[in-house]
N, C-alpha and C. Protein backbone atom coordinates (compact mmCIF):
# COMPACT_ATOMS: atom_id res chain seq x y z
N MET A 1 14.79 -1.27 -8.08
CA MET A 1 15.78 -2.28 -8.38
C MET A 1 16.21 -3.02 -7.12
N SER A 2 16.17 -2.33 -5.97
CA SER A 2 16.56 -3.02 -4.74
C SER A 2 15.60 -4.16 -4.45
N TYR A 3 14.31 -4.00 -4.79
CA TYR A 3 13.35 -5.09 -4.58
C TYR A 3 13.63 -6.23 -5.54
N ILE A 4 13.82 -5.90 -6.81
CA ILE A 4 14.04 -6.93 -7.83
C ILE A 4 15.29 -7.74 -7.52
N GLY A 5 16.34 -7.07 -7.09
CA GLY A 5 17.61 -7.74 -6.82
C GLY A 5 17.73 -8.36 -5.44
N SER A 6 16.77 -8.12 -4.58
CA SER A 6 16.88 -8.61 -3.21
C SER A 6 16.55 -10.09 -3.11
N ILE A 7 17.08 -10.69 -2.06
CA ILE A 7 16.76 -12.09 -1.76
C ILE A 7 15.39 -12.09 -1.10
N LYS A 8 14.48 -12.85 -1.69
CA LYS A 8 13.11 -12.87 -1.19
C LYS A 8 13.01 -13.83 0.00
N LYS A 9 12.43 -13.31 1.08
CA LYS A 9 12.22 -14.12 2.26
C LYS A 9 10.97 -14.96 2.07
N HIS A 10 11.00 -16.13 2.67
CA HIS A 10 9.81 -16.98 2.63
C HIS A 10 8.82 -16.45 3.65
N GLY A 11 7.59 -16.71 3.42
CA GLY A 11 6.56 -16.21 4.31
C GLY A 11 5.78 -15.11 3.64
N CYS A 12 4.84 -14.58 4.37
CA CYS A 12 3.93 -13.58 3.82
C CYS A 12 4.06 -12.29 4.63
N ILE A 13 4.48 -11.21 3.97
CA ILE A 13 4.65 -9.94 4.67
C ILE A 13 3.33 -9.43 5.24
N PHE A 14 2.22 -9.73 4.57
CA PHE A 14 0.93 -9.25 5.04
C PHE A 14 0.41 -10.03 6.24
N CYS A 15 0.98 -11.19 6.49
CA CYS A 15 0.67 -11.94 7.70
C CYS A 15 1.67 -11.60 8.81
N GLU A 16 2.94 -11.49 8.44
CA GLU A 16 4.01 -11.31 9.43
C GLU A 16 4.11 -9.90 10.00
N LYS A 17 4.07 -8.89 9.15
CA LYS A 17 4.31 -7.51 9.61
C LYS A 17 3.33 -7.04 10.68
N PRO A 18 2.02 -7.29 10.54
CA PRO A 18 1.11 -6.83 11.59
C PRO A 18 1.36 -7.52 12.94
N LYS A 19 1.84 -8.74 12.94
CA LYS A 19 2.10 -9.49 14.18
C LYS A 19 3.32 -8.96 14.93
N GLU A 20 4.21 -8.27 14.23
CA GLU A 20 5.45 -7.80 14.85
C GLU A 20 5.23 -6.60 15.78
N ASN A 21 4.10 -5.91 15.64
CA ASN A 21 3.81 -4.73 16.46
C ASN A 21 4.93 -3.69 16.41
N ARG A 22 5.49 -3.49 15.23
CA ARG A 22 6.49 -2.45 14.97
C ARG A 22 5.98 -1.63 13.79
N ASP A 23 4.87 -0.95 14.03
CA ASP A 23 4.16 -0.29 12.94
C ASP A 23 5.01 0.73 12.20
N LYS A 24 5.74 1.55 12.91
CA LYS A 24 6.56 2.57 12.24
C LYS A 24 7.62 1.92 11.36
N GLU A 25 8.33 0.97 11.90
CA GLU A 25 9.38 0.28 11.14
C GLU A 25 8.80 -0.46 9.94
N ASN A 26 7.61 -1.04 10.12
CA ASN A 26 6.98 -1.80 9.05
C ASN A 26 6.07 -0.96 8.16
N LEU A 27 6.00 0.34 8.44
CA LEU A 27 5.24 1.29 7.63
C LEU A 27 3.73 1.04 7.65
N ILE A 28 3.24 0.49 8.77
CA ILE A 28 1.79 0.30 8.92
C ILE A 28 1.20 1.61 9.43
N LEU A 29 0.28 2.17 8.66
CA LEU A 29 -0.31 3.46 8.98
C LEU A 29 -1.61 3.36 9.78
N TYR A 30 -2.35 2.28 9.56
CA TYR A 30 -3.67 2.18 10.19
C TYR A 30 -4.04 0.71 10.36
N ARG A 31 -4.61 0.40 11.52
CA ARG A 31 -5.09 -0.95 11.80
C ARG A 31 -6.60 -0.91 12.00
N GLY A 32 -7.30 -1.61 11.17
CA GLY A 32 -8.73 -1.79 11.34
C GLY A 32 -8.97 -3.09 12.08
N GLU A 33 -10.22 -3.47 12.15
CA GLU A 33 -10.57 -4.72 12.81
C GLU A 33 -10.22 -5.93 11.95
N LYS A 34 -10.45 -5.82 10.65
CA LYS A 34 -10.24 -6.94 9.72
C LYS A 34 -9.09 -6.72 8.74
N CYS A 35 -8.74 -5.44 8.52
CA CYS A 35 -7.75 -5.09 7.51
C CYS A 35 -6.85 -3.97 8.02
N PHE A 36 -5.76 -3.73 7.31
CA PHE A 36 -4.83 -2.68 7.70
C PHE A 36 -4.29 -1.98 6.46
N ILE A 37 -3.72 -0.79 6.68
CA ILE A 37 -3.11 0.00 5.62
C ILE A 37 -1.60 0.05 5.87
N ILE A 38 -0.85 -0.28 4.84
CA ILE A 38 0.61 -0.30 4.93
C ILE A 38 1.18 0.41 3.71
N MET A 39 2.28 1.11 3.91
CA MET A 39 2.96 1.74 2.78
C MET A 39 3.75 0.69 2.00
N ASN A 40 3.86 0.91 0.70
CA ASN A 40 4.68 0.04 -0.12
C ASN A 40 6.14 0.46 0.06
N ARG A 41 6.98 -0.47 0.49
CA ARG A 41 8.39 -0.18 0.72
C ARG A 41 9.12 0.13 -0.59
N TYR A 42 8.56 -0.30 -1.71
CA TYR A 42 9.14 -0.05 -3.03
C TYR A 42 8.07 0.64 -3.89
N PRO A 43 7.78 1.91 -3.57
CA PRO A 43 6.62 2.59 -4.17
C PRO A 43 6.80 2.94 -5.64
N TYR A 44 5.67 2.97 -6.34
CA TYR A 44 5.65 3.48 -7.72
C TYR A 44 5.71 5.00 -7.70
N ASN A 45 5.10 5.60 -6.67
CA ASN A 45 5.08 7.04 -6.45
C ASN A 45 5.06 7.29 -4.95
N ASN A 46 5.39 8.51 -4.54
CA ASN A 46 5.26 8.86 -3.12
C ASN A 46 3.82 8.64 -2.68
N GLY A 47 3.66 8.04 -1.51
CA GLY A 47 2.33 7.80 -0.96
C GLY A 47 1.68 6.52 -1.43
N HIS A 48 2.41 5.65 -2.11
CA HIS A 48 1.87 4.37 -2.58
C HIS A 48 1.49 3.51 -1.37
N LEU A 49 0.20 3.25 -1.22
CA LEU A 49 -0.31 2.49 -0.07
C LEU A 49 -0.88 1.16 -0.52
N MET A 50 -1.02 0.25 0.45
CA MET A 50 -1.67 -1.03 0.21
C MET A 50 -2.62 -1.32 1.36
N ILE A 51 -3.72 -1.96 1.04
CA ILE A 51 -4.69 -2.41 2.04
C ILE A 51 -4.77 -3.92 1.95
N ALA A 52 -4.67 -4.59 3.07
CA ALA A 52 -4.72 -6.05 3.09
C ALA A 52 -5.52 -6.52 4.28
N PRO A 53 -6.20 -7.65 4.14
CA PRO A 53 -6.85 -8.25 5.31
C PRO A 53 -5.78 -8.90 6.18
N TYR A 54 -6.06 -9.03 7.47
CA TYR A 54 -5.14 -9.77 8.34
C TYR A 54 -5.14 -11.24 7.97
N ARG A 55 -6.30 -11.73 7.59
CA ARG A 55 -6.45 -13.15 7.25
C ARG A 55 -5.76 -13.44 5.92
N HIS A 56 -5.02 -14.54 5.88
CA HIS A 56 -4.30 -14.94 4.67
C HIS A 56 -5.30 -15.53 3.68
N VAL A 57 -5.65 -14.73 2.71
CA VAL A 57 -6.62 -15.15 1.69
C VAL A 57 -6.15 -14.61 0.34
N GLY A 58 -6.24 -15.43 -0.69
CA GLY A 58 -5.64 -15.08 -1.97
C GLY A 58 -6.57 -14.55 -3.03
N ASP A 59 -7.86 -14.73 -2.88
CA ASP A 59 -8.78 -14.34 -3.94
C ASP A 59 -9.86 -13.41 -3.42
N LEU A 60 -10.32 -12.55 -4.29
CA LEU A 60 -11.35 -11.58 -3.93
C LEU A 60 -12.61 -12.28 -3.43
N GLU A 61 -13.00 -13.35 -4.09
CA GLU A 61 -14.24 -14.04 -3.70
C GLU A 61 -14.10 -14.79 -2.36
N ALA A 62 -12.89 -14.93 -1.87
CA ALA A 62 -12.68 -15.58 -0.57
C ALA A 62 -12.78 -14.60 0.60
N LEU A 63 -12.79 -13.29 0.31
CA LEU A 63 -12.96 -12.31 1.38
C LEU A 63 -14.38 -12.40 1.92
N ASP A 64 -14.51 -12.32 3.23
CA ASP A 64 -15.87 -12.32 3.79
C ASP A 64 -16.45 -10.91 3.68
N GLU A 65 -17.72 -10.79 3.98
CA GLU A 65 -18.40 -9.51 3.80
C GLU A 65 -17.79 -8.39 4.65
N ASP A 66 -17.43 -8.71 5.89
CA ASP A 66 -16.82 -7.70 6.76
C ASP A 66 -15.47 -7.23 6.22
N GLU A 67 -14.68 -8.14 5.66
CA GLU A 67 -13.39 -7.76 5.07
C GLU A 67 -13.60 -6.87 3.85
N MET A 68 -14.59 -7.19 3.04
CA MET A 68 -14.87 -6.38 1.85
C MET A 68 -15.31 -4.97 2.25
N ILE A 69 -16.21 -4.89 3.21
CA ILE A 69 -16.71 -3.59 3.65
C ILE A 69 -15.57 -2.76 4.23
N GLU A 70 -14.77 -3.37 5.11
CA GLU A 70 -13.67 -2.61 5.71
C GLU A 70 -12.63 -2.21 4.68
N THR A 71 -12.37 -3.06 3.70
CA THR A 71 -11.43 -2.71 2.64
C THR A 71 -11.89 -1.44 1.93
N MET A 72 -13.16 -1.36 1.61
CA MET A 72 -13.68 -0.16 0.93
C MET A 72 -13.61 1.07 1.83
N LYS A 73 -13.88 0.90 3.12
CA LYS A 73 -13.77 2.02 4.05
C LYS A 73 -12.31 2.50 4.14
N LEU A 74 -11.38 1.56 4.18
CA LEU A 74 -9.97 1.93 4.27
C LEU A 74 -9.46 2.52 2.96
N LEU A 75 -10.02 2.09 1.86
CA LEU A 75 -9.70 2.68 0.57
C LEU A 75 -10.14 4.15 0.57
N LYS A 76 -11.34 4.40 1.04
CA LYS A 76 -11.85 5.78 1.12
C LYS A 76 -10.98 6.62 2.06
N LEU A 77 -10.62 6.07 3.20
CA LEU A 77 -9.77 6.77 4.16
C LEU A 77 -8.40 7.08 3.55
N SER A 78 -7.84 6.12 2.82
CA SER A 78 -6.53 6.30 2.19
C SER A 78 -6.56 7.43 1.16
N ILE A 79 -7.59 7.45 0.35
CA ILE A 79 -7.71 8.49 -0.66
C ILE A 79 -7.85 9.86 0.00
N LYS A 80 -8.66 9.93 1.05
CA LYS A 80 -8.84 11.19 1.77
C LYS A 80 -7.50 11.68 2.34
N ALA A 81 -6.76 10.79 2.99
CA ALA A 81 -5.47 11.16 3.58
C ALA A 81 -4.48 11.59 2.51
N LEU A 82 -4.41 10.87 1.41
CA LEU A 82 -3.48 11.21 0.34
C LEU A 82 -3.84 12.55 -0.30
N LYS A 83 -5.13 12.81 -0.46
CA LYS A 83 -5.55 14.10 -1.01
C LYS A 83 -5.14 15.24 -0.10
N GLU A 84 -5.33 15.07 1.20
CA GLU A 84 -4.98 16.12 2.17
C GLU A 84 -3.47 16.34 2.25
N ALA A 85 -2.71 15.26 2.21
CA ALA A 85 -1.26 15.36 2.39
C ALA A 85 -0.51 15.72 1.12
N TYR A 86 -0.98 15.24 -0.05
CA TYR A 86 -0.19 15.37 -1.27
C TYR A 86 -0.90 16.06 -2.44
N HIS A 87 -2.18 16.23 -2.37
CA HIS A 87 -2.94 16.90 -3.44
C HIS A 87 -2.69 16.28 -4.82
N PRO A 88 -2.84 14.96 -4.95
CA PRO A 88 -2.61 14.34 -6.26
C PRO A 88 -3.72 14.73 -7.25
N ASP A 89 -3.41 14.57 -8.52
CA ASP A 89 -4.38 14.84 -9.58
C ASP A 89 -5.29 13.65 -9.85
N GLY A 90 -4.89 12.49 -9.38
CA GLY A 90 -5.68 11.27 -9.61
C GLY A 90 -5.07 10.10 -8.86
N PHE A 91 -5.62 8.92 -9.09
CA PHE A 91 -5.17 7.70 -8.41
C PHE A 91 -5.24 6.52 -9.35
N ASN A 92 -4.31 5.60 -9.18
CA ASN A 92 -4.45 4.25 -9.71
C ASN A 92 -4.80 3.37 -8.52
N ILE A 93 -5.87 2.62 -8.64
CA ILE A 93 -6.29 1.70 -7.59
C ILE A 93 -6.45 0.34 -8.24
N GLY A 94 -5.80 -0.67 -7.65
CA GLY A 94 -5.89 -1.97 -8.28
C GLY A 94 -5.48 -3.11 -7.38
N VAL A 95 -5.75 -4.28 -7.88
CA VAL A 95 -5.39 -5.51 -7.18
C VAL A 95 -4.90 -6.51 -8.22
N ASN A 96 -3.77 -7.13 -7.97
CA ASN A 96 -3.21 -8.14 -8.87
C ASN A 96 -3.45 -9.50 -8.23
N ILE A 97 -4.23 -10.32 -8.88
CA ILE A 97 -4.57 -11.63 -8.33
C ILE A 97 -3.87 -12.70 -9.15
N GLY A 98 -2.92 -13.38 -8.55
CA GLY A 98 -2.19 -14.44 -9.24
C GLY A 98 -0.93 -13.95 -9.90
N ARG A 99 -0.01 -14.86 -10.09
CA ARG A 99 1.30 -14.56 -10.67
C ARG A 99 1.19 -13.97 -12.07
N ALA A 100 0.28 -14.53 -12.89
CA ALA A 100 0.11 -14.05 -14.26
C ALA A 100 -0.35 -12.59 -14.30
N ALA A 101 -1.02 -12.14 -13.25
CA ALA A 101 -1.52 -10.76 -13.18
C ALA A 101 -0.50 -9.82 -12.56
N GLY A 102 0.63 -10.36 -12.13
CA GLY A 102 1.67 -9.51 -11.57
C GLY A 102 1.69 -9.44 -10.06
N ALA A 103 1.00 -10.35 -9.39
CA ALA A 103 0.99 -10.34 -7.92
C ALA A 103 2.39 -10.59 -7.39
N GLY A 104 2.92 -9.61 -6.65
CA GLY A 104 4.24 -9.74 -6.06
C GLY A 104 4.22 -10.60 -4.82
N VAL A 105 3.11 -10.56 -4.10
CA VAL A 105 2.91 -11.41 -2.92
C VAL A 105 1.75 -12.33 -3.26
N LYS A 106 2.09 -13.53 -3.71
CA LYS A 106 1.06 -14.47 -4.11
C LYS A 106 0.38 -15.04 -2.87
N GLY A 107 -0.92 -15.24 -2.95
CA GLY A 107 -1.63 -15.91 -1.89
C GLY A 107 -2.23 -15.01 -0.83
N HIS A 108 -1.92 -13.70 -0.85
CA HIS A 108 -2.51 -12.78 0.12
C HIS A 108 -2.97 -11.53 -0.64
N ILE A 109 -4.24 -11.44 -0.84
CA ILE A 109 -4.80 -10.34 -1.63
C ILE A 109 -4.49 -9.01 -0.95
N HIS A 110 -4.18 -8.02 -1.75
CA HIS A 110 -3.94 -6.66 -1.25
C HIS A 110 -4.25 -5.68 -2.37
N PHE A 111 -4.72 -4.53 -1.98
CA PHE A 111 -5.15 -3.49 -2.90
C PHE A 111 -4.11 -2.37 -2.90
N HIS A 112 -3.75 -1.90 -4.08
CA HIS A 112 -2.79 -0.81 -4.22
C HIS A 112 -3.53 0.50 -4.44
N ILE A 113 -3.05 1.55 -3.79
CA ILE A 113 -3.53 2.91 -4.02
C ILE A 113 -2.29 3.73 -4.37
N VAL A 114 -2.22 4.20 -5.60
CA VAL A 114 -1.06 4.94 -6.08
C VAL A 114 -1.51 6.34 -6.48
N PRO A 115 -1.07 7.37 -5.72
CA PRO A 115 -1.40 8.73 -6.13
C PRO A 115 -0.66 9.10 -7.41
N ARG A 116 -1.34 9.89 -8.26
CA ARG A 116 -0.75 10.28 -9.54
C ARG A 116 -0.87 11.78 -9.74
N TRP A 117 0.10 12.33 -10.43
CA TRP A 117 0.12 13.74 -10.77
C TRP A 117 0.31 13.87 -12.26
N VAL A 118 -0.33 14.88 -12.86
CA VAL A 118 -0.13 15.13 -14.26
C VAL A 118 1.36 15.38 -14.47
N GLY A 119 1.95 14.63 -15.40
CA GLY A 119 3.37 14.80 -15.69
C GLY A 119 4.28 14.06 -14.73
N ASP A 120 3.76 13.09 -13.95
CA ASP A 120 4.63 12.41 -12.98
C ASP A 120 5.53 11.36 -13.61
N THR A 121 5.45 11.20 -14.90
CA THR A 121 6.41 10.32 -15.58
C THR A 121 7.41 11.21 -16.29
N ASN A 122 8.61 10.70 -16.42
CA ASN A 122 9.66 11.46 -17.10
C ASN A 122 10.60 10.49 -17.80
N PHE A 123 11.68 10.99 -18.31
CA PHE A 123 12.60 10.16 -19.10
C PHE A 123 13.43 9.20 -18.25
N MET A 124 13.54 9.43 -16.94
CA MET A 124 14.44 8.62 -16.11
C MET A 124 14.10 7.12 -16.16
N PRO A 125 12.84 6.70 -15.98
CA PRO A 125 12.56 5.27 -16.05
C PRO A 125 12.80 4.68 -17.43
N VAL A 126 12.59 5.48 -18.46
CA VAL A 126 12.73 5.00 -19.82
C VAL A 126 14.19 4.81 -20.21
N PHE A 127 15.02 5.82 -19.95
CA PHE A 127 16.41 5.78 -20.40
C PHE A 127 17.38 5.26 -19.35
N SER A 128 17.09 5.49 -18.11
CA SER A 128 18.05 5.14 -17.06
C SER A 128 17.60 4.01 -16.16
N GLU A 129 16.41 3.46 -16.42
CA GLU A 129 15.85 2.42 -15.55
C GLU A 129 15.88 2.86 -14.09
N THR A 130 15.58 4.14 -13.87
CA THR A 130 15.60 4.73 -12.53
C THR A 130 14.29 5.45 -12.27
N LYS A 131 13.67 5.15 -11.15
CA LYS A 131 12.45 5.85 -10.75
C LYS A 131 12.83 6.87 -9.70
N ILE A 132 12.40 8.09 -9.88
CA ILE A 132 12.71 9.17 -8.95
C ILE A 132 11.58 9.26 -7.92
N ILE A 133 11.92 9.05 -6.66
CA ILE A 133 10.99 9.23 -5.54
C ILE A 133 11.59 10.34 -4.69
N PRO A 134 10.98 11.53 -4.71
CA PRO A 134 11.63 12.69 -4.09
C PRO A 134 11.53 12.78 -2.57
N GLU A 135 10.97 11.78 -1.92
CA GLU A 135 10.80 11.87 -0.46
C GLU A 135 11.16 10.53 0.18
N TYR A 136 11.87 10.57 1.29
CA TYR A 136 12.19 9.34 2.02
C TYR A 136 10.92 8.71 2.57
N LEU A 137 10.91 7.39 2.65
CA LEU A 137 9.73 6.68 3.17
C LEU A 137 9.35 7.13 4.56
N GLU A 138 10.35 7.40 5.40
CA GLU A 138 10.08 7.82 6.78
C GLU A 138 9.34 9.16 6.81
N GLU A 139 9.70 10.06 5.89
CA GLU A 139 9.02 11.35 5.80
C GLU A 139 7.57 11.17 5.34
N THR A 140 7.38 10.32 4.36
CA THR A 140 6.04 10.02 3.88
C THR A 140 5.20 9.43 5.00
N TYR A 141 5.78 8.50 5.74
CA TYR A 141 5.07 7.85 6.84
C TYR A 141 4.58 8.89 7.85
N GLU A 142 5.48 9.75 8.29
CA GLU A 142 5.12 10.77 9.29
C GLU A 142 4.07 11.74 8.75
N LYS A 143 4.20 12.10 7.50
CA LYS A 143 3.26 13.03 6.89
C LYS A 143 1.86 12.42 6.82
N LEU A 144 1.79 11.14 6.47
CA LEU A 144 0.48 10.48 6.34
C LEU A 144 -0.10 10.05 7.68
N LEU A 145 0.75 9.65 8.61
CA LEU A 145 0.28 9.11 9.88
C LEU A 145 -0.68 10.04 10.59
N LYS A 146 -0.40 11.32 10.58
CA LYS A 146 -1.27 12.27 11.28
C LYS A 146 -2.67 12.29 10.67
N HIS A 147 -2.80 11.98 9.41
CA HIS A 147 -4.12 11.94 8.78
C HIS A 147 -4.89 10.68 9.17
N PHE A 148 -4.17 9.60 9.43
CA PHE A 148 -4.82 8.36 9.82
C PHE A 148 -5.13 8.33 11.32
N ASN A 149 -4.31 8.95 12.12
CA ASN A 149 -4.51 8.94 13.59
C ASN A 149 -5.81 9.61 14.02
N ARG A 150 -6.26 10.58 13.27
CA ARG A 150 -7.46 11.30 13.67
C ARG A 150 -8.74 10.66 13.14
N GLU A 151 -8.61 9.61 12.35
CA GLU A 151 -9.77 8.94 11.76
C GLU A 151 -9.97 7.57 12.40
N THR A 152 -11.21 7.25 12.68
CA THR A 152 -11.56 5.91 13.13
C THR A 152 -12.88 5.50 12.49
N PHE A 153 -13.08 4.24 12.40
CA PHE A 153 -14.34 3.70 11.91
C PHE A 153 -14.97 2.87 13.01
N PRO A 154 -16.29 2.82 13.06
CA PRO A 154 -16.95 2.00 14.09
C PRO A 154 -16.71 0.52 13.85
C-alpha cells in the first residue's frame, strides 16, 4: 500500500539507481556488464528480485543479444542464490511489457523473480488487504548479498 499511495517520482528507477553508486541503499545485489539485479522495494514475497538492463529499453525485441544472454545468466544466478538462502518450493518468473500488462515502470523492461512456498498465501491479503512480509528488506539484502558476491560471470 505504501507504493500505491506514494507520490511517483518522474524518471526511471532502472536508469537512475545504478548511476547513484549506493548499491546497499538502492538494494542492488549484483552488477553485470549489461544488466543488474535489484531487489523489489515493494516485494510480493521475501526475496523478490528484478533483473534489468542498464540501457533504457522497453521491449523484449529491443534487447541486444548480449543483454539477452546476460539476463538469462543473471536469472540463473538469482534462482541459485534464492534456493541457497531461502529454499523456496518454486518461482514465478515474468516480465510485464506495457501498461495494459501491468508494467509498473513503463519503458524499461525488467524481469521479476518471485520465490514461492507451498501455502505462502493466507487470508490476510483477502480480508485485510495486507501482505505479510516476515523479514525486513535490509535483512534480505544482507542474506542474499553473500550469495551474489562469490559469483561472477566472464
